[in-house]
C-alpha cells in the first residue's frame, strides 16, 4: 500500500498574487479554491483547473523560488488546437508554436511572471 495518494499542491512563485490570480482564473479558466490571509502580509491563494485533484498556490514568500523560476509544468487538454486558439484570443502569447511529437501535440506559454507551461494533447 502506498503511503501517499496524490500530489496535492504545487507552489508557483509570483511577484503579485492579484495579477497572478487574475491570469490563472480569468485567462486560463482555473477555479479559485482559496484566497485567505496567512499571517501578516501573506495570503494563501490556491487555484486549480476545474475538477483537478492537484492545485497551485501562488506564492511570494520562498526566497529560493524567485518569480518565473518554475518551468515545465504540463497542462493536459483533449483539443490542443482549440485550447491554443482560445487562449490566444484571451491574450496568452505562446513561446513555442504547436508542435507534433511522437507522444503528442504541444505548445508552450509563460504566465505573467515567466513561469513556463506546456499545453499538451497526448496521442
PDB file of N, CA and C in Angstrom:
ATOM      1  N   UNK A   1       0.848  -1.174   0.000  1.00  0.00           N
ATOM      2  CA  UNK A   1       0.000   0.000   0.000  1.00  0.00           C
ATOM      3  C   UNK A   1       0.901   1.248   0.000  1.00  0.00           C
ATOM      4  N   UNK A   2       0.654   2.193  -0.931  1.00  0.00           N
ATOM      5  CA  UNK A   2       1.466   3.415  -0.948  1.00  0.00           C
ATOM      6  C   UNK A   2       1.149   4.297   0.256  1.00  0.00           C
ATOM      7  N   UNK A   3       2.146   5.057   0.665  1.00  0.00           N
ATOM      8  CA  UNK A   3       1.960   5.971   1.792  1.00  0.00           C
ATOM      9  C   UNK A   3       1.262   7.266   1.386  1.00  0.00           C
ATOM     10  N   UNK A   4       1.276   7.576   0.095  1.00  0.00           N
ATOM     11  CA  UNK A   4       0.631   8.797  -0.384  1.00  0.00           C
ATOM     12  C   UNK A   4      -0.404   8.451  -1.444  1.00  0.00           C
ATOM     13  N   UNK A   5      -1.303   9.372  -1.696  1.00  0.00           N
ATOM     14  CA  UNK A   5      -2.372   9.115  -2.657  1.00  0.00           C
ATOM     15  C   UNK A   5      -2.310   9.978  -3.907  1.00  0.00           C
ATOM     16  N   UNK A   6      -1.823  11.213  -3.797  1.00  0.00           N
ATOM     17  CA  UNK A   6      -1.738  12.090  -4.963  1.00  0.00           C
ATOM     18  C   UNK A   6      -0.923  13.337  -4.627  1.00  0.00           C
ATOM     19  N   UNK A   7      -0.531  14.039  -5.655  1.00  0.00           N
ATOM     20  CA  UNK A   7       0.147  15.319  -5.491  1.00  0.00           C
ATOM     21  C   UNK A   7      -0.939  16.354  -5.218  1.00  0.00           C
ATOM     22  N   UNK A   8      -0.877  17.016  -4.068  1.00  0.00           N
ATOM     23  CA  UNK A   8      -1.962  17.902  -3.663  1.00  0.00           C
ATOM     24  C   UNK A   8      -1.766  19.340  -4.129  1.00  0.00           C
ATOM     25  N   UNK A   9      -0.569  19.925  -3.868  1.00  0.00           N
ATOM     26  CA  UNK A   9      -0.350  21.340  -4.148  1.00  0.00           C
ATOM     27  C   UNK A   9       1.035  21.536  -4.742  1.00  0.00           C
ATOM     28  N   UNK A  10       1.116  22.396  -5.753  1.00  0.00           N
ATOM     29  CA  UNK A  10       2.390  22.827  -6.329  1.00  0.00           C
ATOM     30  C   UNK A  10       2.472  24.333  -6.122  1.00  0.00           C
ATOM     31  N   UNK A  11       3.591  24.810  -5.581  1.00  0.00           N
ATOM     32  CA  UNK A  11       3.782  26.242  -5.364  1.00  0.00           C
ATOM     33  C   UNK A  11       4.346  26.891  -6.627  1.00  0.00           C
ATOM     34  N   UNK A  12       3.684  27.963  -7.066  1.00  0.00           N
ATOM     35  CA  UNK A  12       4.100  28.721  -8.242  1.00  0.00           C
ATOM     36  C   UNK A  12       4.569  30.085  -7.755  1.00  0.00           C
ATOM     37  N   UNK A  13       5.863  30.410  -7.939  1.00  0.00           N
ATOM     38  CA  UNK A  13       6.383  31.685  -7.436  1.00  0.00           C
ATOM     39  C   UNK A  13       5.972  32.859  -8.324  1.00  0.00           C
ATOM     40  N   UNK A  14       5.332  33.853  -7.704  1.00  0.00           N
ATOM     41  CA  UNK A  14       4.831  35.021  -8.436  1.00  0.00           C
ATOM     42  C   UNK A  14       5.249  36.306  -7.733  1.00  0.00           C
ATOM     43  N   UNK A  15       5.185  37.390  -8.462  1.00  0.00           N
ATOM     44  CA  UNK A  15       5.500  38.708  -7.899  1.00  0.00           C
ATOM     45  C   UNK A  15       4.289  39.328  -7.216  1.00  0.00           C
ATOM     46  N   UNK A  16       3.143  39.236  -7.897  1.00  0.00           N
ATOM     47  CA  UNK A  16       1.919  39.890  -7.453  1.00  0.00           C
ATOM     48  C   UNK A  16       0.795  38.850  -7.460  1.00  0.00           C
ATOM     49  N   UNK A  17       0.291  38.507  -6.287  1.00  0.00           N
ATOM     50  CA  UNK A  17      -0.722  37.458  -6.196  1.00  0.00           C
ATOM     51  C   UNK A  17      -2.024  37.843  -6.899  1.00  0.00           C
ATOM     52  N   UNK A  18      -2.408  39.109  -6.842  1.00  0.00           N
ATOM     53  CA  UNK A  18      -3.649  39.520  -7.504  1.00  0.00           C
ATOM     54  C   UNK A  18      -3.524  39.390  -9.022  1.00  0.00           C
ATOM     55  N   UNK A  19      -2.416  39.833  -9.582  1.00  0.00           N
ATOM     56  CA  UNK A  19      -2.189  39.724 -11.026  1.00  0.00           C
ATOM     57  C   UNK A  19      -2.150  38.250 -11.441  1.00  0.00           C
ATOM     58  N   UNK A  20      -1.445  37.427 -10.671  1.00  0.00           N
ATOM     59  CA  UNK A  20      -1.350  36.001 -10.980  1.00  0.00           C
ATOM     60  C   UNK A  20      -2.717  35.328 -10.868  1.00  0.00           C
ATOM     61  N   UNK A  21      -3.470  35.662  -9.824  1.00  0.00           N
ATOM     62  CA  UNK A  21      -4.808  35.086  -9.652  1.00  0.00           C
ATOM     63  C   UNK A  21      -5.686  35.441 -10.848  1.00  0.00           C
ATOM     64  N   UNK A  22      -5.640  36.671 -11.303  1.00  0.00           N
ATOM     65  CA  UNK A  22      -6.432  37.088 -12.465  1.00  0.00           C
ATOM     66  C   UNK A  22      -6.037  36.286 -13.706  1.00  0.00           C
ATOM     67  N   UNK A  23      -4.743  36.053 -13.902  1.00  0.00           N
ATOM     68  CA  UNK A  23      -4.292  35.287 -15.061  1.00  0.00           C
ATOM     69  C   UNK A  23      -4.794  33.849 -14.994  1.00  0.00           C
ATOM     70  N   UNK A  24      -4.579  33.193 -13.867  1.00  0.00           N
ATOM     71  CA  UNK A  24      -4.950  31.785 -13.764  1.00  0.00           C
ATOM     72  C   UNK A  24      -6.466  31.583 -13.764  1.00  0.00           C
ATOM     73  N   UNK A  25      -7.211  32.468 -13.125  1.00  0.00           N
ATOM     74  CA  UNK A  25      -8.665  32.318 -13.043  1.00  0.00           C
ATOM     75  C   UNK A  25      -9.351  32.890 -14.290  1.00  0.00           C
ATOM     76  N   UNK A  26      -9.091  34.157 -14.599  1.00  0.00           N
ATOM     77  CA  UNK A  26      -9.814  34.819 -15.688  1.00  0.00           C
ATOM     78  C   UNK A  26      -9.311  34.424 -17.072  1.00  0.00           C
ATOM     79  N   UNK A  27      -8.011  34.232 -17.226  1.00  0.00           N
ATOM     80  CA  UNK A  27      -7.457  33.923 -18.545  1.00  0.00           C
ATOM     81  C   UNK A  27      -7.417  32.422 -18.815  1.00  0.00           C
ATOM     82  N   UNK A  28      -6.870  31.646 -17.867  1.00  0.00           N
ATOM     83  CA  UNK A  28      -6.760  30.196 -18.087  1.00  0.00           C
ATOM     84  C   UNK A  28      -8.024  29.437 -17.730  1.00  0.00           C
ATOM     85  N   UNK A  29      -8.929  30.052 -16.960  1.00  0.00           N
ATOM     86  CA  UNK A  29     -10.177  29.391 -16.607  1.00  0.00           C
ATOM     87  C   UNK A  29     -10.089  28.466 -15.405  1.00  0.00           C
ATOM     88  N   UNK A  30      -9.043  28.620 -14.588  1.00  0.00           N
ATOM     89  CA  UNK A  30      -8.935  27.827 -13.364  1.00  0.00           C
ATOM     90  C   UNK A  30      -9.982  28.299 -12.371  1.00  0.00           C
ATOM     91  N   UNK A  31     -10.302  27.433 -11.411  1.00  0.00           N
ATOM     92  CA  UNK A  31     -11.202  27.842 -10.340  1.00  0.00           C
ATOM     93  C   UNK A  31     -10.385  28.335  -9.152  1.00  0.00           C
ATOM     94  N   UNK A  32     -10.916  29.329  -8.470  1.00  0.00           N
ATOM     95  CA  UNK A  32     -10.301  29.827  -7.244  1.00  0.00           C
ATOM     96  C   UNK A  32     -10.782  28.945  -6.110  1.00  0.00           C
ATOM     97  N   UNK A  33      -9.864  28.261  -5.459  1.00  0.00           N
ATOM     98  CA  UNK A  33     -10.244  27.372  -4.351  1.00  0.00           C
ATOM     99  C   UNK A  33     -10.137  28.071  -3.004  1.00  0.00           C
ATOM    100  N   UNK A  34      -9.137  28.928  -2.847  1.00  0.00           N
ATOM    101  CA  UNK A  34      -8.964  29.659  -1.577  1.00  0.00           C
ATOM    102  C   UNK A  34      -8.237  30.969  -1.840  1.00  0.00           C
ATOM    103  N   UNK A  35      -8.605  31.970  -1.072  1.00  0.00           N
ATOM    104  CA  UNK A  35      -7.863  33.230  -1.010  1.00  0.00           C
ATOM    105  C   UNK A  35      -8.046  33.711   0.419  1.00  0.00           C
ATOM    106  N   UNK A  36      -7.112  33.288   1.294  1.00  0.00           N
ATOM    107  CA  UNK A  36      -7.245  33.551   2.722  1.00  0.00           C
ATOM    108  C   UNK A  36      -5.993  34.212   3.272  1.00  0.00           C
ATOM    109  N   UNK A  37      -6.153  35.072   4.297  1.00  0.00           N
ATOM    110  CA  UNK A  37      -4.974  35.589   4.985  1.00  0.00           C
ATOM    111  C   UNK A  37      -4.173  34.427   5.577  1.00  0.00           C
ATOM    112  N   UNK A  38      -2.869  34.616   5.616  1.00  0.00           N
ATOM    113  CA  UNK A  38      -1.988  33.588   6.165  1.00  0.00           C
ATOM    114  C   UNK A  38      -0.914  34.273   7.014  1.00  0.00           C
ATOM    115  N   UNK A  39      -1.345  35.005   7.996  1.00  0.00           N
ATOM    116  CA  UNK A  39      -0.402  35.757   8.813  1.00  0.00           C
ATOM    117  C   UNK A  39      -0.198  37.149   8.248  1.00  0.00           C
ATOM    118  N   UNK A  40       0.672  37.919   8.889  1.00  0.00           N
ATOM    119  CA  UNK A  40       0.888  39.293   8.442  1.00  0.00           C
ATOM    120  C   UNK A  40       1.488  39.336   7.036  1.00  0.00           C
ATOM    121  N   UNK A  41       0.864  40.127   6.166  1.00  0.00           N
ATOM    122  CA  UNK A  41       1.374  40.395   4.819  1.00  0.00           C
ATOM    123  C   UNK A  41       1.494  39.159   3.939  1.00  0.00           C
ATOM    124  N   UNK A  42       0.754  38.091   4.242  1.00  0.00           N
ATOM    125  CA  UNK A  42       0.770  36.891   3.399  1.00  0.00           C
ATOM    126  C   UNK A  42      -0.650  36.406   3.166  1.00  0.00           C
ATOM    127  N   UNK A  43      -0.833  35.818   1.966  1.00  0.00           N
ATOM    128  CA  UNK A  43      -2.124  35.219   1.625  1.00  0.00           C
ATOM    129  C   UNK A  43      -1.886  33.831   1.048  1.00  0.00           C
ATOM    130  N   UNK A  44      -2.843  32.956   1.283  1.00  0.00           N
ATOM    131  CA  UNK A  44      -2.856  31.648   0.654  1.00  0.00           C
ATOM    132  C   UNK A  44      -3.837  31.755  -0.512  1.00  0.00           C
ATOM    133  N   UNK A  45      -3.292  31.846  -1.724  1.00  0.00           N
ATOM    134  CA  UNK A  45      -4.107  31.919  -2.932  1.00  0.00           C
ATOM    135  C   UNK A  45      -3.932  30.590  -3.660  1.00  0.00           C
ATOM    136  N   UNK A  46      -5.017  29.839  -3.771  1.00  0.00           N
ATOM    137  CA  UNK A  46      -4.969  28.500  -4.356  1.00  0.00           C
ATOM    138  C   UNK A  46      -5.936  28.421  -5.532  1.00  0.00           C
ATOM    139  N   UNK A  47      -5.438  27.965  -6.664  1.00  0.00           N
ATOM    140  CA  UNK A  47      -6.220  27.840  -7.889  1.00  0.00           C
ATOM    141  C   UNK A  47      -5.995  26.446  -8.474  1.00  0.00           C
ATOM    142  N   UNK A  48      -6.908  26.020  -9.346  1.00  0.00           N
ATOM    143  CA  UNK A  48      -6.763  24.710  -9.983  1.00  0.00           C
ATOM    144  C   UNK A  48      -7.626  24.639 -11.228  1.00  0.00           C
ATOM    145  N   UNK A  49      -7.228  23.800 -12.194  1.00  0.00           N
ATOM    146  CA  UNK A  49      -8.152  23.514 -13.289  1.00  0.00           C
ATOM    147  C   UNK A  49      -9.426  22.917 -12.700  1.00  0.00           C
ATOM    148  N   UNK A  50     -10.585  23.196 -13.289  1.00  0.00           N
ATOM    149  CA  UNK A  50     -11.834  22.660 -12.747  1.00  0.00           C
ATOM    150  C   UNK A  50     -11.778  21.145 -12.566  1.00  0.00           C
ATOM    151  N   UNK A  51     -12.109  20.692 -11.356  1.00  0.00           N
ATOM    152  CA  UNK A  51     -12.164  19.273 -11.051  1.00  0.00           C
ATOM    153  C   UNK A  51     -10.831  18.599 -10.802  1.00  0.00           C
ATOM    154  N   UNK A  52      -9.729  19.318 -10.878  1.00  0.00           N
ATOM    155  CA  UNK A  52      -8.410  18.710 -10.706  1.00  0.00           C
ATOM    156  C   UNK A  52      -8.154  18.337  -9.252  1.00  0.00           C
ATOM    157  N   UNK A  53      -7.414  17.256  -9.049  1.00  0.00           N
ATOM    158  CA  UNK A  53      -7.014  16.851  -7.704  1.00  0.00           C
ATOM    159  C   UNK A  53      -5.856  17.703  -7.201  1.00  0.00           C
ATOM    160  N   UNK A  54      -5.002  18.138  -8.104  1.00  0.00           N
ATOM    161  CA  UNK A  54      -3.834  18.936  -7.731  1.00  0.00           C
ATOM    162  C   UNK A  54      -4.123  20.412  -7.973  1.00  0.00           C
ATOM    163  N   UNK A  55      -3.752  21.237  -7.006  1.00  0.00           N
ATOM    164  CA  UNK A  55      -3.959  22.681  -7.143  1.00  0.00           C
ATOM    165  C   UNK A  55      -2.616  23.403  -7.103  1.00  0.00           C
ATOM    166  N   UNK A  56      -2.665  24.685  -7.379  1.00  0.00           N
ATOM    167  CA  UNK A  56      -1.480  25.549  -7.342  1.00  0.00           C
ATOM    168  C   UNK A  56      -1.667  26.592  -6.260  1.00  0.00           C
ATOM    169  N   UNK A  57      -0.600  26.875  -5.526  1.00  0.00           N
ATOM    170  CA  UNK A  57      -0.606  28.031  -4.644  1.00  0.00           C
ATOM    171  C   UNK A  57       0.277  29.091  -5.298  1.00  0.00           C
ATOM    172  N   UNK A  58      -0.203  30.310  -5.309  1.00  0.00           N
ATOM    173  CA  UNK A  58       0.523  31.423  -5.907  1.00  0.00           C
ATOM    174  C   UNK A  58       1.281  32.110  -4.780  1.00  0.00           C
ATOM    175  N   UNK A  59       2.591  31.830  -4.706  1.00  0.00           N
ATOM    176  CA  UNK A  59       3.377  32.199  -3.529  1.00  0.00           C
ATOM    177  C   UNK A  59       4.351  33.332  -3.817  1.00  0.00           C
ATOM    178  N   UNK A  60       4.617  34.099  -2.761  1.00  0.00           N
ATOM    179  CA  UNK A  60       5.564  35.216  -2.850  1.00  0.00           C
ATOM    180  C   UNK A  60       6.658  35.135  -1.788  1.00  0.00           C
ATOM    181  N   UNK A  61       6.645  34.079  -0.993  1.00  0.00           N
ATOM    182  CA  UNK A  61       7.475  34.092   0.214  1.00  0.00           C
ATOM    183  C   UNK A  61       8.636  33.107   0.240  1.00  0.00           C
ATOM    184  N   UNK A  62       8.938  32.408  -0.823  1.00  0.00           N
ATOM    185  CA  UNK A  62      10.063  31.476  -0.821  1.00  0.00           C
ATOM    186  C   UNK A  62      11.275  32.129  -1.480  1.00  0.00           C
ATOM    187  N   UNK A  63      12.280  32.527  -0.715  1.00  0.00           N
ATOM    188  CA  UNK A  63      13.432  33.203  -1.318  1.00  0.00           C
ATOM    189  C   UNK A  63      14.194  32.328  -2.309  1.00  0.00           C
ATOM    190  N   UNK A  64      14.101  31.023  -2.187  1.00  0.00           N
ATOM    191  CA  UNK A  64      14.811  30.137  -3.120  1.00  0.00           C
ATOM    192  C   UNK A  64      13.995  29.867  -4.384  1.00  0.00           C
ATOM    193  N   UNK A  65      12.783  30.437  -4.454  1.00  0.00           N
ATOM    194  CA  UNK A  65      11.925  30.284  -5.631  1.00  0.00           C
ATOM    195  C   UNK A  65      11.560  31.666  -6.165  1.00  0.00           C
ATOM    196  N   UNK A  66      12.455  32.289  -6.925  1.00  0.00           N
ATOM    197  CA  UNK A  66      12.109  33.617  -7.451  1.00  0.00           C
ATOM    198  C   UNK A  66      10.986  33.521  -8.493  1.00  0.00           C
ATOM    199  N   UNK A  67      10.161  34.559  -8.596  1.00  0.00           N
ATOM    200  CA  UNK A  67       9.106  34.552  -9.601  1.00  0.00           C
ATOM    201  C   UNK A  67       9.675  34.232 -10.985  1.00  0.00           C
ATOM    202  N   UNK A  68       8.970  33.364 -11.696  1.00  0.00           N
ATOM    203  CA  UNK A  68       9.387  32.981 -13.034  1.00  0.00           C
ATOM    204  C   UNK A  68      10.325  31.792 -13.079  1.00  0.00           C
ATOM    205  N   UNK A  69      10.669  31.215 -11.942  1.00  0.00           N
ATOM    206  CA  UNK A  69      11.659  30.130 -11.916  1.00  0.00           C
ATOM    207  C   UNK A  69      11.050  28.740 -12.126  1.00  0.00           C
ATOM    208  N   UNK A  70       9.737  28.628 -12.118  1.00  0.00           N
ATOM    209  CA  UNK A  70       9.095  27.328 -12.322  1.00  0.00           C
ATOM    210  C   UNK A  70       8.935  27.082 -13.823  1.00  0.00           C
ATOM    211  N   UNK A  71       9.414  25.956 -14.292  1.00  0.00           N
ATOM    212  CA  UNK A  71       9.353  25.651 -15.731  1.00  0.00           C
ATOM    213  C   UNK A  71       8.888  24.223 -15.937  1.00  0.00           C
ATOM    214  N   UNK A  72       8.173  23.991 -17.018  1.00  0.00           N
ATOM    215  CA  UNK A  72       7.875  22.648 -17.466  1.00  0.00           C
ATOM    216  C   UNK A  72       6.663  21.964 -16.883  1.00  0.00           C
ATOM    217  N   UNK A  73       5.805  22.668 -16.177  1.00  0.00           N
ATOM    218  CA  UNK A  73       4.569  22.023 -15.736  1.00  0.00           C
ATOM    219  C   UNK A  73       3.677  21.816 -16.958  1.00  0.00           C
ATOM    220  N   UNK A  74       2.989  20.687 -16.999  1.00  0.00           N
ATOM    221  CA  UNK A  74       2.206  20.309 -18.173  1.00  0.00           C
ATOM    222  C   UNK A  74       0.716  20.362 -17.852  1.00  0.00           C
ATOM    223  N   UNK A  75      -0.024  21.068 -18.689  1.00  0.00           N
ATOM    224  CA  UNK A  75      -1.484  21.089 -18.621  1.00  0.00           C
ATOM    225  C   UNK A  75      -2.016  20.218 -19.748  1.00  0.00           C
ATOM    226  N   UNK A  76      -2.878  19.277 -19.429  1.00  0.00           N
ATOM    227  CA  UNK A  76      -3.437  18.369 -20.424  1.00  0.00           C
ATOM    228  C   UNK A  76      -4.720  18.943 -21.007  1.00  0.00           C
ATOM    229  N   UNK A  77      -4.927  18.670 -22.286  1.00  0.00           N
ATOM    230  CA  UNK A  77      -6.155  19.055 -22.962  1.00  0.00           C
ATOM    231  C   UNK A  77      -6.512  17.975 -23.977  1.00  0.00           C
ATOM    232  N   UNK A  78      -7.789  17.864 -24.280  1.00  0.00           N
ATOM    233  CA  UNK A  78      -8.237  16.915 -25.297  1.00  0.00           C
ATOM    234  C   UNK A  78      -8.203  17.524 -26.691  1.00  0.00           C
ATOM    235  N   UNK A  79      -8.075  18.861 -26.788  1.00  0.00           N
ATOM    236  CA  UNK A  79      -8.054  19.548 -28.087  1.00  0.00           C
ATOM    237  C   UNK A  79      -7.089  20.726 -28.003  1.00  0.00           C
ATOM    238  N   UNK A  80      -5.813  20.445 -28.223  1.00  0.00           N
ATOM    239  CA  UNK A  80      -4.791  21.475 -28.052  1.00  0.00           C
ATOM    240  C   UNK A  80      -4.941  22.598 -29.073  1.00  0.00           C
ATOM    241  N   UNK A  81      -5.383  22.281 -30.286  1.00  0.00           N
ATOM    242  CA  UNK A  81      -5.568  23.336 -31.293  1.00  0.00           C
ATOM    243  C   UNK A  81      -6.620  24.342 -30.837  1.00  0.00           C
ATOM    244  N   UNK A  82      -7.739  23.832 -30.365  1.00  0.00           N
ATOM    245  CA  UNK A  82      -8.802  24.716 -29.870  1.00  0.00           C
ATOM    246  C   UNK A  82      -8.356  25.485 -28.633  1.00  0.00           C
ATOM    247  N   UNK A  83      -7.644  24.798 -27.719  1.00  0.00           N
ATOM    248  CA  UNK A  83      -7.189  25.447 -26.494  1.00  0.00           C
ATOM    249  C   UNK A  83      -6.207  26.574 -26.804  1.00  0.00           C
ATOM    250  N   UNK A  84      -5.275  26.344 -27.722  1.00  0.00           N
ATOM    251  CA  UNK A  84      -4.316  27.394 -28.091  1.00  0.00           C
ATOM    252  C   UNK A  84      -5.050  28.580 -28.701  1.00  0.00           C
ATOM    253  N   UNK A  85      -5.967  28.322 -29.628  1.00  0.00           N
ATOM    254  CA  UNK A  85      -6.717  29.413 -30.262  1.00  0.00           C
ATOM    255  C   UNK A  85      -7.502  30.209 -29.224  1.00  0.00           C
ATOM    256  N   UNK A  86      -8.157  29.518 -28.300  1.00  0.00           N
ATOM    257  CA  UNK A  86      -8.948  30.184 -27.262  1.00  0.00           C
ATOM    258  C   UNK A  86      -8.050  31.033 -26.358  1.00  0.00           C
ATOM    259  N   UNK A  87      -6.930  30.466 -25.935  1.00  0.00           N
ATOM    260  CA  UNK A  87      -6.028  31.215 -25.050  1.00  0.00           C
ATOM    261  C   UNK A  87      -5.391  32.398 -25.765  1.00  0.00           C
ATOM    262  N   UNK A  88      -5.089  32.261 -27.047  1.00  0.00           N
ATOM    263  CA  UNK A  88      -4.553  33.394 -27.804  1.00  0.00           C
ATOM    264  C   UNK A  88      -5.578  34.519 -27.865  1.00  0.00           C
ATOM    265  N   UNK A  89      -6.855  34.180 -28.040  1.00  0.00           N
ATOM    266  CA  UNK A  89      -7.921  35.187 -28.030  1.00  0.00           C
ATOM    267  C   UNK A  89      -8.001  35.895 -26.685  1.00  0.00           C
ATOM    268  N   UNK A  90      -7.609  35.198 -25.616  1.00  0.00           N
ATOM    269  CA  UNK A  90      -7.633  35.778 -24.273  1.00  0.00           C
ATOM    270  C   UNK A  90      -6.340  36.524 -23.948  1.00  0.00           C
ATOM    271  N   UNK A  91      -5.410  36.586 -24.909  1.00  0.00           N
ATOM    272  CA  UNK A  91      -4.191  37.359 -24.716  1.00  0.00           C
ATOM    273  C   UNK A  91      -2.950  36.574 -24.341  1.00  0.00           C
ATOM    274  N   UNK A  92      -3.040  35.247 -24.287  1.00  0.00           N
ATOM    275  CA  UNK A  92      -1.861  34.438 -23.956  1.00  0.00           C
ATOM    276  C   UNK A  92      -0.954  34.388 -25.175  1.00  0.00           C
ATOM    277  N   UNK A  93       0.316  34.681 -24.956  1.00  0.00           N
ATOM    278  CA  UNK A  93       1.314  34.610 -26.026  1.00  0.00           C
ATOM    279  C   UNK A  93       2.088  33.309 -25.872  1.00  0.00           C
ATOM    280  N   UNK A  94       2.103  32.522 -26.916  1.00  0.00           N
ATOM    281  CA  UNK A  94       2.789  31.236 -26.874  1.00  0.00           C
ATOM    282  C   UNK A  94       4.254  31.415 -27.253  1.00  0.00           C
ATOM    283  N   UNK A  95       5.125  30.795 -26.472  1.00  0.00           N
ATOM    284  CA  UNK A  95       6.578  30.866 -26.677  1.00  0.00           C
ATOM    285  C   UNK A  95       6.965  29.940 -27.819  1.00  0.00           C
ATOM    286  N   UNK A  96       6.467  28.712 -27.783  1.00  0.00           N
ATOM    287  CA  UNK A  96       6.693  27.734 -28.843  1.00  0.00           C
ATOM    288  C   UNK A  96       5.360  27.475 -29.523  1.00  0.00           C
ATOM    289  N   UNK A  97       5.353  27.415 -30.855  1.00  0.00           N
ATOM    290  CA  UNK A  97       4.096  27.143 -31.559  1.00  0.00           C
ATOM    291  C   UNK A  97       3.685  25.692 -31.380  1.00  0.00           C
ATOM    292  N   UNK A  98       2.509  25.375 -31.862  1.00  0.00           N
ATOM    293  CA  UNK A  98       2.045  23.994 -31.835  1.00  0.00           C
ATOM    294  C   UNK A  98       3.058  23.112 -32.548  1.00  0.00           C
ATOM    295  N   UNK A  99       3.448  22.035 -31.872  1.00  0.00           N
ATOM    296  CA  UNK A  99       4.476  21.129 -32.375  1.00  0.00           C
ATOM    297  C   UNK A  99       3.993  19.696 -32.230  1.00  0.00           C
ATOM    298  N   UNK A 100       4.230  18.897 -33.272  1.00  0.00           N
ATOM    299  CA  UNK A 100       3.901  17.473 -33.219  1.00  0.00           C
ATOM    300  C   UNK A 100       5.111  16.685 -32.755  1.00  0.00           C
ATOM    301  N   UNK A 101       4.873  15.737 -31.873  1.00  0.00           N
ATOM    302  CA  UNK A 101       5.892  14.814 -31.384  1.00  0.00           C
ATOM    303  C   UNK A 101       5.297  13.418 -31.377  1.00  0.00           C
ATOM    304  N   UNK A 102       6.127  12.395 -31.280  1.00  0.00           N
ATOM    305  CA  UNK A 102       5.591  11.026 -31.247  1.00  0.00           C
ATOM    306  C   UNK A 102       4.600  10.797 -30.103  1.00  0.00           C
ATOM    307  N   UNK A 103       4.766  11.498 -29.005  1.00  0.00           N
ATOM    308  CA  UNK A 103       3.907  11.305 -27.837  1.00  0.00           C
ATOM    309  C   UNK A 103       2.696  12.222 -27.807  1.00  0.00           C
ATOM    310  N   UNK A 104       2.654  13.246 -28.709  1.00  0.00           N
ATOM    311  CA  UNK A 104       1.510  14.145 -28.703  1.00  0.00           C
ATOM    312  C   UNK A 104       1.784  15.450 -29.405  1.00  0.00           C
ATOM    313  N   UNK A 105       0.897  16.383 -29.198  1.00  0.00           N
ATOM    314  CA  UNK A 105       0.982  17.727 -29.803  1.00  0.00           C
ATOM    315  C   UNK A 105       0.998  18.728 -28.661  1.00  0.00           C
ATOM    316  N   UNK A 106       1.839  19.751 -28.750  1.00  0.00           N
ATOM    317  CA  UNK A 106       2.020  20.653 -27.617  1.00  0.00           C
ATOM    318  C   UNK A 106       2.423  22.051 -28.075  1.00  0.00           C
ATOM    319  N   UNK A 107       2.286  23.003 -27.166  1.00  0.00           N
ATOM    320  CA  UNK A 107       2.756  24.380 -27.320  1.00  0.00           C
ATOM    321  C   UNK A 107       3.105  24.888 -25.927  1.00  0.00           C
ATOM    322  N   UNK A 108       3.972  25.889 -25.842  1.00  0.00           N
ATOM    323  CA  UNK A 108       4.350  26.411 -24.530  1.00  0.00           C
ATOM    324  C   UNK A 108       3.999  27.892 -24.407  1.00  0.00           C
ATOM    325  N   UNK A 109       3.730  28.293 -23.172  1.00  0.00           N
ATOM    326  CA  UNK A 109       3.463  29.695 -22.860  1.00  0.00           C
ATOM    327  C   UNK A 109       3.997  29.992 -21.470  1.00  0.00           C
ATOM    328  N   UNK A 110       4.106  31.263 -21.155  1.00  0.00           N
ATOM    329  CA  UNK A 110       4.542  31.713 -19.835  1.00  0.00           C
ATOM    330  C   UNK A 110       3.413  32.457 -19.150  1.00  0.00           C
ATOM    331  N   UNK A 111       3.383  32.390 -17.816  1.00  0.00           N
ATOM    332  CA  UNK A 111       2.456  33.229 -17.063  1.00  0.00           C
ATOM    333  C   UNK A 111       3.055  34.637 -16.987  1.00  0.00           C
ATOM    334  N   UNK A 112       2.378  35.604 -16.380  1.00  0.00           N
ATOM    335  CA  UNK A 112       2.895  36.980 -16.345  1.00  0.00           C
ATOM    336  C   UNK A 112       4.266  37.124 -15.675  1.00  0.00           C
ATOM    337  N   UNK A 113       4.667  36.167 -14.834  1.00  0.00           N
ATOM    338  CA  UNK A 113       5.968  36.239 -14.173  1.00  0.00           C
ATOM    339  C   UNK A 113       7.056  35.470 -14.914  1.00  0.00           C
ATOM    340  N   UNK A 114       6.680  34.742 -15.973  1.00  0.00           N
ATOM    341  CA  UNK A 114       7.668  33.966 -16.713  1.00  0.00           C
ATOM    342  C   UNK A 114       7.743  32.503 -16.327  1.00  0.00           C
ATOM    343  N   UNK A 115       6.837  32.030 -15.459  1.00  0.00           N
ATOM    344  CA  UNK A 115       6.776  30.597 -15.177  1.00  0.00           C
ATOM    345  C   UNK A 115       6.313  29.898 -16.455  1.00  0.00           C
ATOM    346  N   UNK A 116       7.033  28.843 -16.853  1.00  0.00           N
ATOM    347  CA  UNK A 116       6.788  28.215 -18.135  1.00  0.00           C
ATOM    348  C   UNK A 116       5.860  27.014 -18.073  1.00  0.00           C
ATOM    349  N   UNK A 117       4.902  26.989 -18.976  1.00  0.00           N
ATOM    350  CA  UNK A 117       3.884  25.947 -19.041  1.00  0.00           C
ATOM    351  C   UNK A 117       3.890  25.269 -20.394  1.00  0.00           C
ATOM    352  N   UNK A 118       3.551  23.975 -20.385  1.00  0.00           N
ATOM    353  CA  UNK A 118       3.363  23.201 -21.614  1.00  0.00           C
ATOM    354  C   UNK A 118       1.878  22.840 -21.688  1.00  0.00           C
ATOM    355  N   UNK A 119       1.260  23.156 -22.789  1.00  0.00           N
ATOM    356  CA  UNK A 119      -0.119  22.757 -23.046  1.00  0.00           C
ATOM    357  C   UNK A 119      -0.047  21.579 -24.007  1.00  0.00           C
ATOM    358  N   UNK A 120      -0.565  20.419 -23.587  1.00  0.00           N
ATOM    359  CA  UNK A 120      -0.297  19.181 -24.320  1.00  0.00           C
ATOM    360  C   UNK A 120      -1.547  18.350 -24.545  1.00  0.00           C
ATOM    361  N   UNK A 121      -1.622  17.787 -25.736  1.00  0.00           N
ATOM    362  CA  UNK A 121      -2.625  16.766 -26.054  1.00  0.00           C
ATOM    363  C   UNK A 121      -1.859  15.489 -26.355  1.00  0.00           C
ATOM    364  N   UNK A 122      -2.071  14.464 -25.543  1.00  0.00           N
ATOM    365  CA  UNK A 122      -1.382  13.188 -25.732  1.00  0.00           C
ATOM    366  C   UNK A 122      -2.047  12.408 -26.859  1.00  0.00           C
ATOM    367  N   UNK A 123      -1.263  11.537 -27.470  1.00  0.00           N
ATOM    368  CA  UNK A 123      -1.806  10.679 -28.525  1.00  0.00           C
ATOM    369  C   UNK A 123      -2.526   9.491 -27.915  1.00  0.00           C
TER     370      UNK A 123
END
